Amino acid sequence: MNLKKSMLLLLGVAATTIALTGCSMKQSGTTATAAPIVTNSPMPVNTTQAPMNTAMAPETSPASEDLGMNSGVNAANATTGAMNGATSGTANGAINGATNMASSMTPAQADRLAEQVEEAVERLSEVDDAEAVISNDRVLVAVEFDDQYSAGLDDRMKQMITEAVQKVDDGLKDIEITDDSTLYGQVKGLGERLAKATGLDELADDFGDLWDRITGR
């Protein structure tokens, strides 16, 4: 019995030693293996690039830009010049037309215009009677005042008569007025001769003399 126990004891010690040795070997000799690193497969690189669009808009040269700008400026200047020319031509034509019309007025036209002037002046309450004679753009007006008007031919009355004449025809720029009874008769007589004349030049000298007498007073 003692021998068996001794043998069993030895076997137990041996088994324990072996077990302990195995554990020690596991702790010291076994190295943990790291998980393999998974390497992603490289992404395919697209080495084929889209060709660059080499068709570019042609660059405008400074010379062509200047040419275009100059053309625009020249066109604008030409248009402005045409407008100014047309305006000047129209204005000059109108002025020359009015001058020619006045210089070419017939005695009958001058006599009819003089009658219209007389009627316009006589509509003034202060005026009793008026006579007028016209030569081109000049007009002589002689007036007789109403008996109740005593201020005479003052500046106010001259202005009223002038405005009345120009309402008939604003082309009559030179207007001379008199209230002298002698000159009144001369204006009336010249007007009667005007109605029978064949041309204004027949009365030009007499009209000029009468004009000077009225303006010289």
N, C-alpha and C. Protein backbone atom coordinates (compact mmCIF):
# COMPACT_ATOMS: atom_id res chain seq x y z
N MET A 1 0.85 -1.20 0.00
CA MET A 1 0.00 0.00 0.00
C MET A 1 0.87 1.23 0.00
N ASN A 2 1.83 1.25 0.68
CA ASN A 2 2.71 2.40 0.75
C ASN A 2 3.38 2.66 -0.58
N LEU A 3 3.68 1.62 -1.28
CA LEU A 3 4.35 1.73 -2.57
C LEU A 3 3.40 2.33 -3.60
N LYS A 4 2.17 1.88 -3.59
CA LYS A 4 1.16 2.40 -4.54
C LYS A 4 0.92 3.88 -4.29
N LYS A 5 0.77 4.23 -3.02
CA LYS A 5 0.54 5.62 -2.69
C LYS A 5 1.71 6.49 -3.16
N SER A 6 2.91 5.90 -2.96
CA SER A 6 4.09 6.67 -3.37
C SER A 6 4.10 6.87 -4.87
N MET A 7 3.71 5.84 -5.60
CA MET A 7 3.70 5.92 -7.06
C MET A 7 2.65 6.91 -7.52
N LEU A 8 1.48 6.82 -6.93
CA LEU A 8 0.41 7.73 -7.29
C LEU A 8 0.80 9.18 -6.99
N LEU A 9 1.48 9.36 -5.89
CA LEU A 9 1.89 10.69 -5.51
C LEU A 9 2.88 11.25 -6.52
N LEU A 10 3.81 10.41 -6.93
CA LEU A 10 4.80 10.82 -7.91
C LEU A 10 4.15 11.16 -9.24
N LEU A 11 3.18 10.30 -9.62
CA LEU A 11 2.47 10.55 -10.89
C LEU A 11 1.71 11.87 -10.82
N GLY A 12 1.11 12.10 -9.64
CA GLY A 12 0.36 13.36 -9.50
C GLY A 12 1.28 14.57 -9.58
N VAL A 13 2.45 14.44 -8.90
CA VAL A 13 3.40 15.55 -8.95
C VAL A 13 3.88 15.79 -10.37
N ALA A 14 4.15 14.67 -11.06
CA ALA A 14 4.64 14.78 -12.43
C ALA A 14 3.59 15.44 -13.34
N ALA A 15 2.34 15.02 -13.14
CA ALA A 15 1.26 15.58 -13.98
C ALA A 15 1.10 17.07 -13.71
N THR A 16 1.20 17.40 -12.40
CA THR A 16 1.07 18.83 -12.05
C THR A 16 2.19 19.64 -12.65
N THR A 17 3.41 19.07 -12.59
CA THR A 17 4.58 19.78 -13.14
C THR A 17 4.43 19.99 -14.63
N ILE A 18 3.95 18.89 -15.29
CA ILE A 18 3.77 19.00 -16.75
C ILE A 18 2.72 20.07 -17.09
N ALA A 19 1.65 20.05 -16.30
CA ALA A 19 0.58 21.05 -16.56
C ALA A 19 1.09 22.46 -16.35
N LEU A 20 1.82 22.69 -15.28
CA LEU A 20 2.34 24.01 -15.01
C LEU A 20 3.32 24.45 -16.07
N THR A 21 4.14 23.48 -16.51
CA THR A 21 5.12 23.81 -17.56
C THR A 21 4.42 24.20 -18.84
N GLY A 22 3.36 23.48 -19.14
CA GLY A 22 2.60 23.82 -20.38
C GLY A 22 2.01 25.21 -20.31
N CYS A 23 1.45 25.52 -19.12
CA CYS A 23 0.88 26.88 -18.98
C CYS A 23 1.93 27.96 -19.12
N SER A 24 3.10 27.71 -18.54
CA SER A 24 4.17 28.70 -18.60
C SER A 24 4.63 28.90 -20.03
N MET A 25 4.69 27.80 -20.74
CA MET A 25 5.12 27.90 -22.13
C MET A 25 4.10 28.70 -22.96
N LYS A 26 2.83 28.52 -22.67
CA LYS A 26 1.81 29.27 -23.41
C LYS A 26 1.92 30.77 -23.16
N GLN A 27 2.22 31.09 -21.83
CA GLN A 27 2.27 32.51 -21.49
C GLN A 27 3.50 33.19 -22.07
N SER A 28 4.65 32.52 -22.09
CA SER A 28 5.89 33.18 -22.48
C SER A 28 6.24 32.96 -23.94
N GLY A 29 5.89 31.87 -24.50
CA GLY A 29 6.37 31.55 -25.84
C GLY A 29 5.38 31.82 -26.94
N THR A 30 4.12 31.95 -26.58
CA THR A 30 3.13 32.13 -27.65
C THR A 30 2.95 33.61 -27.94
N THR A 31 3.15 34.02 -29.12
CA THR A 31 3.00 35.42 -29.55
C THR A 31 1.73 35.58 -30.34
N ALA A 32 0.95 36.58 -29.92
CA ALA A 32 -0.33 36.80 -30.61
C ALA A 32 -0.07 37.27 -32.04
N THR A 33 -0.70 36.64 -32.93
CA THR A 33 -0.54 36.99 -34.36
C THR A 33 -1.53 38.10 -34.73
N ALA A 34 -0.97 39.19 -35.20
CA ALA A 34 -1.85 40.33 -35.55
C ALA A 34 -2.68 39.99 -36.76
N ALA A 35 -3.86 40.55 -36.75
CA ALA A 35 -4.77 40.30 -37.88
C ALA A 35 -4.14 40.87 -39.14
N PRO A 36 -4.22 40.11 -40.20
CA PRO A 36 -3.60 40.60 -41.45
C PRO A 36 -4.23 41.92 -41.89
N ILE A 37 -3.36 42.81 -42.31
CA ILE A 37 -3.84 44.11 -42.81
C ILE A 37 -4.39 43.92 -44.20
N VAL A 38 -5.60 44.33 -44.33
CA VAL A 38 -6.25 44.18 -45.64
C VAL A 38 -5.89 45.41 -46.49
N THR A 39 -5.23 45.20 -47.51
CA THR A 39 -4.82 46.29 -48.43
C THR A 39 -5.84 46.42 -49.53
N ASN A 40 -6.46 47.64 -49.58
CA ASN A 40 -7.44 47.86 -50.63
C ASN A 40 -6.76 47.89 -51.98
N SER A 41 -7.42 47.31 -52.88
CA SER A 41 -6.85 47.30 -54.23
C SER A 41 -6.83 48.71 -54.77
N PRO A 42 -5.72 49.12 -55.36
CA PRO A 42 -5.61 50.51 -55.86
C PRO A 42 -6.70 50.79 -56.88
N MET A 43 -7.27 52.02 -56.78
CA MET A 43 -8.32 52.42 -57.72
C MET A 43 -7.68 52.66 -59.08
N PRO A 44 -8.35 52.21 -60.07
CA PRO A 44 -7.79 52.41 -61.42
C PRO A 44 -7.76 53.89 -61.75
N VAL A 45 -6.64 54.31 -62.19
CA VAL A 45 -6.46 55.71 -62.57
C VAL A 45 -6.75 55.86 -64.04
N ASN A 46 -7.69 56.83 -64.33
CA ASN A 46 -8.06 57.05 -65.73
C ASN A 46 -7.02 57.95 -66.35
N THR A 47 -6.12 57.30 -67.04
CA THR A 47 -5.02 58.07 -67.65
C THR A 47 -5.42 58.74 -68.94
N THR A 48 -6.66 58.45 -69.39
CA THR A 48 -7.12 59.07 -70.65
C THR A 48 -7.97 60.28 -70.32
N GLN A 49 -7.49 61.47 -70.56
CA GLN A 49 -8.22 62.68 -70.26
C GLN A 49 -8.91 63.19 -71.51
N ALA A 50 -10.04 63.86 -71.22
CA ALA A 50 -10.77 64.41 -72.36
C ALA A 50 -9.90 65.46 -73.05
N PRO A 51 -9.84 65.43 -74.35
CA PRO A 51 -9.00 66.41 -75.06
C PRO A 51 -9.50 67.82 -74.80
N MET A 52 -8.58 68.75 -74.63
CA MET A 52 -8.95 70.14 -74.39
C MET A 52 -9.52 70.73 -75.67
N ASN A 53 -10.53 71.62 -75.46
CA ASN A 53 -11.16 72.25 -76.61
C ASN A 53 -10.24 73.37 -77.09
N THR A 54 -9.57 73.08 -78.14
CA THR A 54 -8.59 74.05 -78.65
C THR A 54 -9.22 75.07 -79.56
N ALA A 55 -10.53 74.89 -79.86
CA ALA A 55 -11.20 75.86 -80.75
C ALA A 55 -11.66 77.05 -79.92
N MET A 56 -10.86 78.06 -79.86
CA MET A 56 -11.17 79.25 -79.07
C MET A 56 -11.61 80.37 -80.00
N ALA A 57 -12.46 81.26 -79.40
CA ALA A 57 -12.92 82.40 -80.21
C ALA A 57 -11.71 83.23 -80.60
N PRO A 58 -11.65 83.65 -81.83
CA PRO A 58 -10.50 84.45 -82.27
C PRO A 58 -10.39 85.73 -81.45
N GLU A 59 -9.21 86.02 -81.01
CA GLU A 59 -8.98 87.21 -80.19
C GLU A 59 -9.09 88.46 -81.05
N THR A 60 -9.88 89.41 -80.53
CA THR A 60 -10.06 90.66 -81.28
C THR A 60 -8.83 91.52 -81.12
N SER A 61 -8.26 91.86 -82.20
CA SER A 61 -7.05 92.66 -82.14
C SER A 61 -7.41 94.10 -81.79
N PRO A 62 -6.53 94.80 -81.11
CA PRO A 62 -6.81 96.20 -80.78
C PRO A 62 -7.14 97.04 -82.00
N ALA A 63 -6.48 96.69 -83.13
CA ALA A 63 -6.74 97.47 -84.33
C ALA A 63 -8.18 97.35 -84.77
N SER A 64 -8.71 96.08 -84.71
CA SER A 64 -10.10 95.89 -85.14
C SER A 64 -11.05 96.53 -84.17
N GLU A 65 -10.70 96.52 -82.84
CA GLU A 65 -11.57 97.19 -81.86
C GLU A 65 -11.61 98.68 -82.13
N ASP A 66 -10.44 99.27 -82.38
CA ASP A 66 -10.40 100.70 -82.65
C ASP A 66 -11.18 101.03 -83.90
N LEU A 67 -11.05 100.13 -84.91
CA LEU A 67 -11.77 100.39 -86.15
C LEU A 67 -13.26 100.39 -85.91
N GLY A 68 -13.74 99.43 -85.09
CA GLY A 68 -15.17 99.36 -84.80
C GLY A 68 -15.64 100.58 -84.04
N MET A 69 -14.85 101.00 -83.03
CA MET A 69 -15.24 102.17 -82.25
C MET A 69 -15.25 103.42 -83.12
N ASN A 70 -14.19 103.55 -83.95
CA ASN A 70 -14.14 104.72 -84.82
C ASN A 70 -15.29 104.74 -85.79
N SER A 71 -15.67 103.57 -86.27
CA SER A 71 -16.80 103.51 -87.20
C SER A 71 -18.07 103.97 -86.52
N GLY A 72 -18.25 103.51 -85.25
CA GLY A 72 -19.45 103.93 -84.51
C GLY A 72 -19.46 105.42 -84.26
N VAL A 73 -18.29 105.96 -83.86
CA VAL A 73 -18.20 107.40 -83.60
C VAL A 73 -18.44 108.19 -84.87
N ASN A 74 -17.84 107.71 -85.97
CA ASN A 74 -18.03 108.41 -87.24
C ASN A 74 -19.48 108.38 -87.67
N ALA A 75 -20.13 107.23 -87.43
CA ALA A 75 -21.55 107.13 -87.80
C ALA A 75 -22.39 108.09 -86.98
N ALA A 76 -22.08 108.15 -85.66
CA ALA A 76 -22.83 109.07 -84.79
C ALA A 76 -22.60 110.52 -85.21
N ASN A 77 -21.32 110.84 -85.51
CA ASN A 77 -21.03 112.21 -85.94
C ASN A 77 -21.73 112.54 -87.25
N ALA A 78 -21.78 111.55 -88.13
CA ALA A 78 -22.45 111.78 -89.41
C ALA A 78 -23.94 112.03 -89.20
N THR A 79 -24.53 111.23 -88.27
CA THR A 79 -25.96 111.43 -88.00
C THR A 79 -26.22 112.80 -87.40
N THR A 80 -25.36 113.18 -86.42
CA THR A 80 -25.52 114.50 -85.80
C THR A 80 -25.35 115.61 -86.82
N GLY A 81 -24.35 115.43 -87.68
CA GLY A 81 -24.13 116.44 -88.71
C GLY A 81 -25.31 116.56 -89.65
N ALA A 82 -25.89 115.38 -89.98
CA ALA A 82 -27.05 115.41 -90.87
C ALA A 82 -28.22 116.12 -90.22
N MET A 83 -28.43 115.83 -88.91
CA MET A 83 -29.53 116.47 -88.20
C MET A 83 -29.31 117.98 -88.11
N ASN A 84 -28.05 118.36 -87.76
CA ASN A 84 -27.77 119.79 -87.66
C ASN A 84 -27.93 120.48 -89.01
N GLY A 85 -27.49 119.76 -90.04
CA GLY A 85 -27.62 120.33 -91.37
C GLY A 85 -29.07 120.51 -91.76
N ALA A 86 -29.89 119.46 -91.42
CA ALA A 86 -31.30 119.55 -91.77
C ALA A 86 -31.98 120.67 -90.99
N THR A 87 -31.60 120.76 -89.67
CA THR A 87 -32.21 121.82 -88.84
C THR A 87 -31.81 123.20 -89.35
N SER A 88 -30.50 123.34 -89.63
CA SER A 88 -30.02 124.63 -90.11
C SER A 88 -30.65 124.97 -91.45
N GLY A 89 -30.72 123.93 -92.29
CA GLY A 89 -31.31 124.16 -93.60
C GLY A 89 -32.76 124.57 -93.50
N THR A 90 -33.50 123.89 -92.59
CA THR A 90 -34.92 124.24 -92.42
C THR A 90 -35.08 125.65 -91.88
N ALA A 91 -34.26 125.97 -90.83
CA ALA A 91 -34.37 127.31 -90.23
C ALA A 91 -33.97 128.38 -91.24
N ASN A 92 -32.85 128.15 -91.94
CA ASN A 92 -32.42 129.14 -92.92
C ASN A 92 -33.43 129.27 -94.05
N GLY A 93 -33.99 128.10 -94.43
CA GLY A 93 -35.00 128.15 -95.48
C GLY A 93 -36.22 128.93 -95.07
N ALA A 94 -36.63 128.74 -93.78
CA ALA A 94 -37.79 129.47 -93.29
C ALA A 94 -37.51 130.97 -93.24
N ILE A 95 -36.31 131.34 -92.75
CA ILE A 95 -35.97 132.75 -92.67
C ILE A 95 -35.88 133.37 -94.06
N ASN A 96 -35.17 132.65 -94.96
CA ASN A 96 -35.04 133.18 -96.31
C ASN A 96 -36.40 133.24 -97.00
N GLY A 97 -37.24 132.22 -96.71
CA GLY A 97 -38.57 132.21 -97.31
C GLY A 97 -39.39 133.40 -96.86
N ALA A 98 -39.32 133.69 -95.54
CA ALA A 98 -40.06 134.83 -95.02
C ALA A 98 -39.55 136.14 -95.61
N THR A 99 -38.21 136.25 -95.73
CA THR A 99 -37.63 137.46 -96.30
C THR A 99 -38.04 137.63 -97.75
N ASN A 100 -37.95 136.50 -98.49
CA ASN A 100 -38.32 136.57 -99.90
C ASN A 100 -39.80 136.90 -100.06
N MET A 101 -40.62 136.33 -99.16
CA MET A 101 -42.05 136.60 -99.25
C MET A 101 -42.33 138.08 -99.00
N ALA A 102 -41.65 138.66 -97.99
CA ALA A 102 -41.85 140.08 -97.70
C ALA A 102 -41.39 140.95 -98.85
N SER A 103 -40.21 140.59 -99.42
CA SER A 103 -39.67 141.42 -100.49
C SER A 103 -40.46 141.26 -101.78
N SER A 104 -41.16 140.13 -101.92
CA SER A 104 -41.92 139.90 -103.15
C SER A 104 -43.42 140.17 -102.96
N MET A 105 -43.79 140.85 -101.87
CA MET A 105 -45.20 141.15 -101.62
C MET A 105 -45.72 142.09 -102.72
N THR A 106 -46.87 141.76 -103.22
CA THR A 106 -47.47 142.61 -104.25
C THR A 106 -48.20 143.78 -103.59
N PRO A 107 -48.47 144.85 -104.35
CA PRO A 107 -49.23 145.97 -103.79
C PRO A 107 -50.60 145.55 -103.27
N ALA A 108 -51.25 144.61 -103.97
CA ALA A 108 -52.57 144.16 -103.51
C ALA A 108 -52.46 143.46 -102.16
N GLN A 109 -51.42 142.63 -101.99
CA GLN A 109 -51.22 141.95 -100.71
C GLN A 109 -50.89 142.95 -99.61
N ALA A 110 -50.06 143.92 -99.91
CA ALA A 110 -49.69 144.93 -98.92
C ALA A 110 -50.91 145.77 -98.54
N ASP A 111 -51.75 146.09 -99.51
CA ASP A 111 -52.96 146.89 -99.23
C ASP A 111 -53.94 146.10 -98.36
N ARG A 112 -54.09 144.79 -98.64
CA ARG A 112 -55.00 143.96 -97.84
C ARG A 112 -54.48 143.81 -96.42
N LEU A 113 -53.18 143.62 -96.25
CA LEU A 113 -52.59 143.51 -94.92
C LEU A 113 -52.73 144.83 -94.16
N ALA A 114 -52.59 145.94 -94.86
CA ALA A 114 -52.74 147.25 -94.22
C ALA A 114 -54.15 147.45 -93.70
N GLU A 115 -55.13 146.99 -94.44
CA GLU A 115 -56.52 147.09 -93.98
C GLU A 115 -56.74 146.26 -92.71
N GLN A 116 -56.14 145.09 -92.66
CA GLN A 116 -56.26 144.26 -91.45
C GLN A 116 -55.61 144.94 -90.26
N VAL A 117 -54.50 145.60 -90.49
CA VAL A 117 -53.82 146.33 -89.41
C VAL A 117 -54.71 147.47 -88.92
N GLU A 118 -55.29 148.20 -89.84
CA GLU A 118 -56.17 149.32 -89.46
C GLU A 118 -57.34 148.83 -88.60
N GLU A 119 -57.95 147.73 -89.01
CA GLU A 119 -59.08 147.19 -88.24
C GLU A 119 -58.65 146.77 -86.84
N ALA A 120 -57.46 146.15 -86.73
CA ALA A 120 -56.98 145.71 -85.41
C ALA A 120 -56.71 146.89 -84.49
N VAL A 121 -56.12 147.96 -85.02
CA VAL A 121 -55.81 149.14 -84.20
C VAL A 121 -57.10 149.86 -83.80
N GLU A 122 -58.05 149.91 -84.70
CA GLU A 122 -59.31 150.60 -84.40
C GLU A 122 -60.14 149.88 -83.34
N ARG A 123 -59.82 148.62 -83.09
CA ARG A 123 -60.54 147.91 -82.02
C ARG A 123 -60.12 148.38 -80.62
N LEU A 124 -59.03 149.10 -80.54
CA LEU A 124 -58.63 149.69 -79.25
C LEU A 124 -59.63 150.79 -78.90
N SER A 125 -60.10 150.79 -77.70
CA SER A 125 -61.16 151.73 -77.30
C SER A 125 -60.70 153.18 -77.38
N GLU A 126 -59.40 153.44 -77.25
CA GLU A 126 -58.88 154.81 -77.26
C GLU A 126 -58.77 155.36 -78.69
N VAL A 127 -58.79 154.48 -79.69
CA VAL A 127 -58.55 154.89 -81.08
C VAL A 127 -59.89 155.05 -81.81
N ASP A 128 -60.04 156.20 -82.45
CA ASP A 128 -61.26 156.44 -83.24
C ASP A 128 -61.07 156.01 -84.69
N ASP A 129 -59.88 156.26 -85.24
CA ASP A 129 -59.64 155.91 -86.64
C ASP A 129 -58.15 155.62 -86.81
N ALA A 130 -57.81 154.77 -87.78
CA ALA A 130 -56.41 154.42 -88.02
C ALA A 130 -56.18 154.26 -89.51
N GLU A 131 -55.00 154.66 -89.98
CA GLU A 131 -54.57 154.46 -91.36
C GLU A 131 -53.20 153.78 -91.32
N ALA A 132 -52.97 152.87 -92.26
CA ALA A 132 -51.69 152.16 -92.29
C ALA A 132 -51.23 151.98 -93.72
N VAL A 133 -49.94 151.95 -93.90
CA VAL A 133 -49.34 151.65 -95.20
C VAL A 133 -48.13 150.75 -94.94
N ILE A 134 -47.98 149.74 -95.80
CA ILE A 134 -46.96 148.72 -95.57
C ILE A 134 -46.05 148.63 -96.78
N SER A 135 -44.77 148.52 -96.51
CA SER A 135 -43.76 148.26 -97.53
C SER A 135 -42.84 147.17 -97.02
N ASN A 136 -43.01 145.99 -97.60
CA ASN A 136 -42.26 144.80 -97.15
C ASN A 136 -42.56 144.54 -95.67
N ASP A 137 -41.53 144.60 -94.78
CA ASP A 137 -41.77 144.28 -93.38
C ASP A 137 -41.89 145.53 -92.51
N ARG A 138 -42.06 146.68 -93.14
CA ARG A 138 -42.20 147.94 -92.37
C ARG A 138 -43.63 148.44 -92.51
N VAL A 139 -44.13 149.04 -91.45
CA VAL A 139 -45.50 149.55 -91.47
C VAL A 139 -45.55 150.90 -90.76
N LEU A 140 -46.25 151.82 -91.41
CA LEU A 140 -46.52 153.12 -90.82
C LEU A 140 -47.97 153.15 -90.38
N VAL A 141 -48.21 153.59 -89.14
CA VAL A 141 -49.57 153.65 -88.60
C VAL A 141 -49.83 155.07 -88.10
N ALA A 142 -50.92 155.64 -88.59
CA ALA A 142 -51.34 156.96 -88.13
C ALA A 142 -52.71 156.81 -87.46
N VAL A 143 -52.88 157.45 -86.30
CA VAL A 143 -54.11 157.26 -85.54
C VAL A 143 -54.74 158.59 -85.17
N GLU A 144 -56.05 158.54 -85.04
CA GLU A 144 -56.82 159.64 -84.45
C GLU A 144 -57.50 159.08 -83.21
N PHE A 145 -57.32 159.71 -82.08
CA PHE A 145 -57.84 159.19 -80.82
C PHE A 145 -59.29 159.64 -80.61
N ASP A 146 -59.94 158.90 -79.78
CA ASP A 146 -61.29 159.25 -79.34
C ASP A 146 -61.24 160.55 -78.55
N ASP A 147 -62.29 161.36 -78.67
CA ASP A 147 -62.31 162.67 -77.99
C ASP A 147 -62.17 162.55 -76.48
N GLN A 148 -62.62 161.44 -75.92
CA GLN A 148 -62.57 161.28 -74.47
C GLN A 148 -61.20 160.80 -73.97
N TYR A 149 -60.33 160.44 -74.92
CA TYR A 149 -58.98 160.00 -74.53
C TYR A 149 -58.04 161.19 -74.64
N SER A 150 -57.34 161.50 -73.56
CA SER A 150 -56.52 162.71 -73.53
C SER A 150 -55.04 162.46 -73.28
N ALA A 151 -54.64 161.22 -73.07
CA ALA A 151 -53.24 160.95 -72.72
C ALA A 151 -52.33 161.04 -73.94
N GLY A 152 -52.88 160.95 -75.12
CA GLY A 152 -52.05 161.06 -76.33
C GLY A 152 -51.25 159.79 -76.62
N LEU A 153 -50.25 159.95 -77.49
CA LEU A 153 -49.43 158.79 -77.92
C LEU A 153 -48.27 158.59 -76.96
N ASP A 154 -48.57 158.13 -75.78
CA ASP A 154 -47.51 157.86 -74.80
C ASP A 154 -46.94 156.45 -75.04
N ASP A 155 -45.98 156.06 -74.21
CA ASP A 155 -45.32 154.76 -74.38
C ASP A 155 -46.32 153.61 -74.23
N ARG A 156 -47.24 153.76 -73.32
CA ARG A 156 -48.24 152.70 -73.10
C ARG A 156 -49.08 152.52 -74.36
N MET A 157 -49.53 153.62 -74.96
CA MET A 157 -50.36 153.54 -76.15
C MET A 157 -49.55 152.99 -77.34
N LYS A 158 -48.31 153.41 -77.47
CA LYS A 158 -47.45 152.87 -78.54
C LYS A 158 -47.32 151.35 -78.43
N GLN A 159 -47.14 150.86 -77.19
CA GLN A 159 -47.01 149.43 -76.97
C GLN A 159 -48.29 148.70 -77.33
N MET A 160 -49.45 149.27 -76.98
CA MET A 160 -50.73 148.65 -77.29
C MET A 160 -50.96 148.57 -78.80
N ILE A 161 -50.61 149.65 -79.51
CA ILE A 161 -50.78 149.65 -80.97
C ILE A 161 -49.81 148.66 -81.62
N THR A 162 -48.57 148.63 -81.15
CA THR A 162 -47.57 147.69 -81.69
C THR A 162 -48.04 146.25 -81.53
N GLU A 163 -48.55 145.91 -80.35
CA GLU A 163 -49.04 144.55 -80.12
C GLU A 163 -50.23 144.22 -81.01
N ALA A 164 -51.10 145.19 -81.24
CA ALA A 164 -52.24 144.97 -82.12
C ALA A 164 -51.78 144.69 -83.54
N VAL A 165 -50.76 145.41 -84.00
CA VAL A 165 -50.23 145.20 -85.36
C VAL A 165 -49.60 143.81 -85.48
N GLN A 166 -48.81 143.42 -84.50
CA GLN A 166 -48.08 142.15 -84.59
C GLN A 166 -49.00 140.95 -84.39
N LYS A 167 -50.18 141.17 -83.81
CA LYS A 167 -51.15 140.08 -83.75
C LYS A 167 -51.70 139.77 -85.14
N VAL A 168 -51.71 140.76 -86.00
CA VAL A 168 -52.13 140.56 -87.39
C VAL A 168 -51.05 139.81 -88.15
N ASP A 169 -49.80 140.23 -87.98
CA ASP A 169 -48.66 139.60 -88.67
C ASP A 169 -47.41 139.89 -87.86
N ASP A 170 -46.86 138.85 -87.22
CA ASP A 170 -45.67 139.07 -86.39
C ASP A 170 -44.41 139.26 -87.22
N GLY A 171 -44.55 139.18 -88.56
CA GLY A 171 -43.42 139.47 -89.42
C GLY A 171 -43.19 140.95 -89.62
N LEU A 172 -44.14 141.75 -89.17
CA LEU A 172 -44.00 143.21 -89.24
C LEU A 172 -43.19 143.66 -88.03
N LYS A 173 -41.90 143.77 -88.20
CA LYS A 173 -41.00 144.07 -87.09
C LYS A 173 -40.79 145.56 -86.88
N ASP A 174 -40.72 146.32 -87.97
CA ASP A 174 -40.47 147.75 -87.87
C ASP A 174 -41.80 148.50 -87.97
N ILE A 175 -42.21 149.08 -86.86
CA ILE A 175 -43.51 149.75 -86.79
C ILE A 175 -43.29 151.17 -86.28
N GLU A 176 -43.76 152.13 -87.04
CA GLU A 176 -43.70 153.52 -86.62
C GLU A 176 -45.12 154.07 -86.52
N ILE A 177 -45.39 154.82 -85.46
CA ILE A 177 -46.76 155.29 -85.16
C ILE A 177 -46.74 156.81 -84.99
N THR A 178 -47.77 157.44 -85.49
CA THR A 178 -47.91 158.88 -85.32
C THR A 178 -49.37 159.25 -85.05
N ASP A 179 -49.58 160.33 -84.31
CA ASP A 179 -50.92 160.86 -84.09
C ASP A 179 -51.01 162.29 -84.62
N ASP A 180 -49.99 162.68 -85.40
CA ASP A 180 -49.98 164.01 -86.00
C ASP A 180 -51.03 164.05 -87.13
N SER A 181 -51.85 165.09 -87.13
CA SER A 181 -52.94 165.15 -88.10
C SER A 181 -52.43 165.30 -89.54
N THR A 182 -51.34 166.06 -89.73
CA THR A 182 -50.78 166.22 -91.07
C THR A 182 -50.22 164.91 -91.60
N LEU A 183 -49.45 164.24 -90.76
CA LEU A 183 -48.86 162.96 -91.16
C LEU A 183 -49.95 161.90 -91.32
N TYR A 184 -51.01 162.04 -90.57
CA TYR A 184 -52.14 161.11 -90.72
C TYR A 184 -52.67 161.19 -92.16
N GLY A 185 -52.85 162.42 -92.68
CA GLY A 185 -53.34 162.58 -94.04
C GLY A 185 -52.36 162.03 -95.06
N GLN A 186 -51.05 162.18 -94.83
CA GLN A 186 -50.05 161.68 -95.77
C GLN A 186 -50.01 160.16 -95.80
N VAL A 187 -50.16 159.54 -94.62
CA VAL A 187 -50.20 158.07 -94.57
C VAL A 187 -51.44 157.57 -95.31
N LYS A 188 -52.54 158.23 -95.10
CA LYS A 188 -53.78 157.83 -95.78
C LYS A 188 -53.64 157.97 -97.30
N GLY A 189 -53.04 159.08 -97.76
CA GLY A 189 -52.85 159.28 -99.19
C GLY A 189 -51.92 158.26 -99.79
N LEU A 190 -50.84 157.92 -99.10
CA LEU A 190 -49.90 156.91 -99.61
C LEU A 190 -50.57 155.55 -99.68
N GLY A 191 -51.44 155.25 -98.71
CA GLY A 191 -52.17 153.99 -98.74
C GLY A 191 -53.10 153.89 -99.93
N GLU A 192 -53.72 155.03 -100.31
CA GLU A 192 -54.61 155.03 -101.48
C GLU A 192 -53.81 154.82 -102.76
N ARG A 193 -52.61 155.36 -102.82
CA ARG A 193 -51.76 155.16 -103.99
C ARG A 193 -51.27 153.71 -104.06
N LEU A 194 -51.05 153.11 -102.89
CA LEU A 194 -50.59 151.73 -102.84
C LEU A 194 -51.59 150.78 -103.50
N ALA A 195 -52.87 151.04 -103.29
CA ALA A 195 -53.88 150.15 -103.85
C ALA A 195 -53.89 150.17 -105.37
N LYS A 196 -53.35 151.25 -105.98
CA LYS A 196 -53.37 151.37 -107.43
C LYS A 196 -52.01 151.08 -108.07
N ALA A 197 -50.98 150.84 -107.23
CA ALA A 197 -49.63 150.64 -107.75
C ALA A 197 -49.48 149.25 -108.37
N THR A 198 -48.53 149.14 -109.28
CA THR A 198 -48.22 147.83 -109.88
C THR A 198 -47.05 147.14 -109.20
N GLY A 199 -46.31 147.88 -108.40
CA GLY A 199 -45.19 147.32 -107.66
C GLY A 199 -44.84 148.20 -106.48
N LEU A 200 -44.32 147.59 -105.43
CA LEU A 200 -43.99 148.37 -104.22
C LEU A 200 -42.84 149.33 -104.47
N ASP A 201 -42.02 149.03 -105.47
CA ASP A 201 -40.89 149.91 -105.73
C ASP A 201 -41.34 151.28 -106.23
N GLU A 202 -42.58 151.38 -106.75
CA GLU A 202 -43.09 152.68 -107.21
C GLU A 202 -43.26 153.66 -106.06
N LEU A 203 -43.51 153.13 -104.87
CA LEU A 203 -43.75 153.98 -103.69
C LEU A 203 -42.59 153.95 -102.70
N ALA A 204 -41.50 153.29 -103.07
CA ALA A 204 -40.40 153.09 -102.12
C ALA A 204 -39.83 154.43 -101.65
N ASP A 205 -39.59 155.35 -102.56
CA ASP A 205 -38.99 156.63 -102.17
C ASP A 205 -39.95 157.44 -101.29
N ASP A 206 -41.21 157.50 -101.68
CA ASP A 206 -42.19 158.27 -100.89
C ASP A 206 -42.39 157.63 -99.52
N PHE A 207 -42.40 156.30 -99.49
CA PHE A 207 -42.54 155.61 -98.20
C PHE A 207 -41.35 155.93 -97.31
N GLY A 208 -40.14 155.92 -97.88
CA GLY A 208 -38.93 156.21 -97.11
C GLY A 208 -38.94 157.62 -96.56
N ASP A 209 -39.39 158.56 -97.38
CA ASP A 209 -39.44 159.96 -96.92
C ASP A 209 -40.44 160.13 -95.77
N LEU A 210 -41.60 159.51 -95.93
CA LEU A 210 -42.61 159.61 -94.87
C LEU A 210 -42.14 158.92 -93.61
N TRP A 211 -41.45 157.81 -93.74
CA TRP A 211 -40.87 157.09 -92.58
C TRP A 211 -39.90 158.01 -91.83
N ASP A 212 -39.06 158.67 -92.57
CA ASP A 212 -38.07 159.55 -91.93
C ASP A 212 -38.75 160.71 -91.22
N ARG A 213 -39.81 161.25 -91.81
CA ARG A 213 -40.51 162.38 -91.16
C ARG A 213 -41.16 161.94 -89.85
N ILE A 214 -41.72 160.72 -89.84
CA ILE A 214 -42.38 160.23 -88.63
C ILE A 214 -41.35 159.89 -87.56
N THR A 215 -40.27 159.22 -87.94
CA THR A 215 -39.27 158.83 -86.94
C THR A 215 -38.47 160.04 -86.45
N GLY A 216 -38.42 161.10 -87.26
CA GLY A 216 -37.66 162.28 -86.87
C GLY A 216 -38.41 163.22 -85.99
N ARG A 217 -39.65 162.98 -85.73
CA ARG A 217 -40.44 163.88 -84.90
C ARG A 217 -40.12 163.68 -83.42
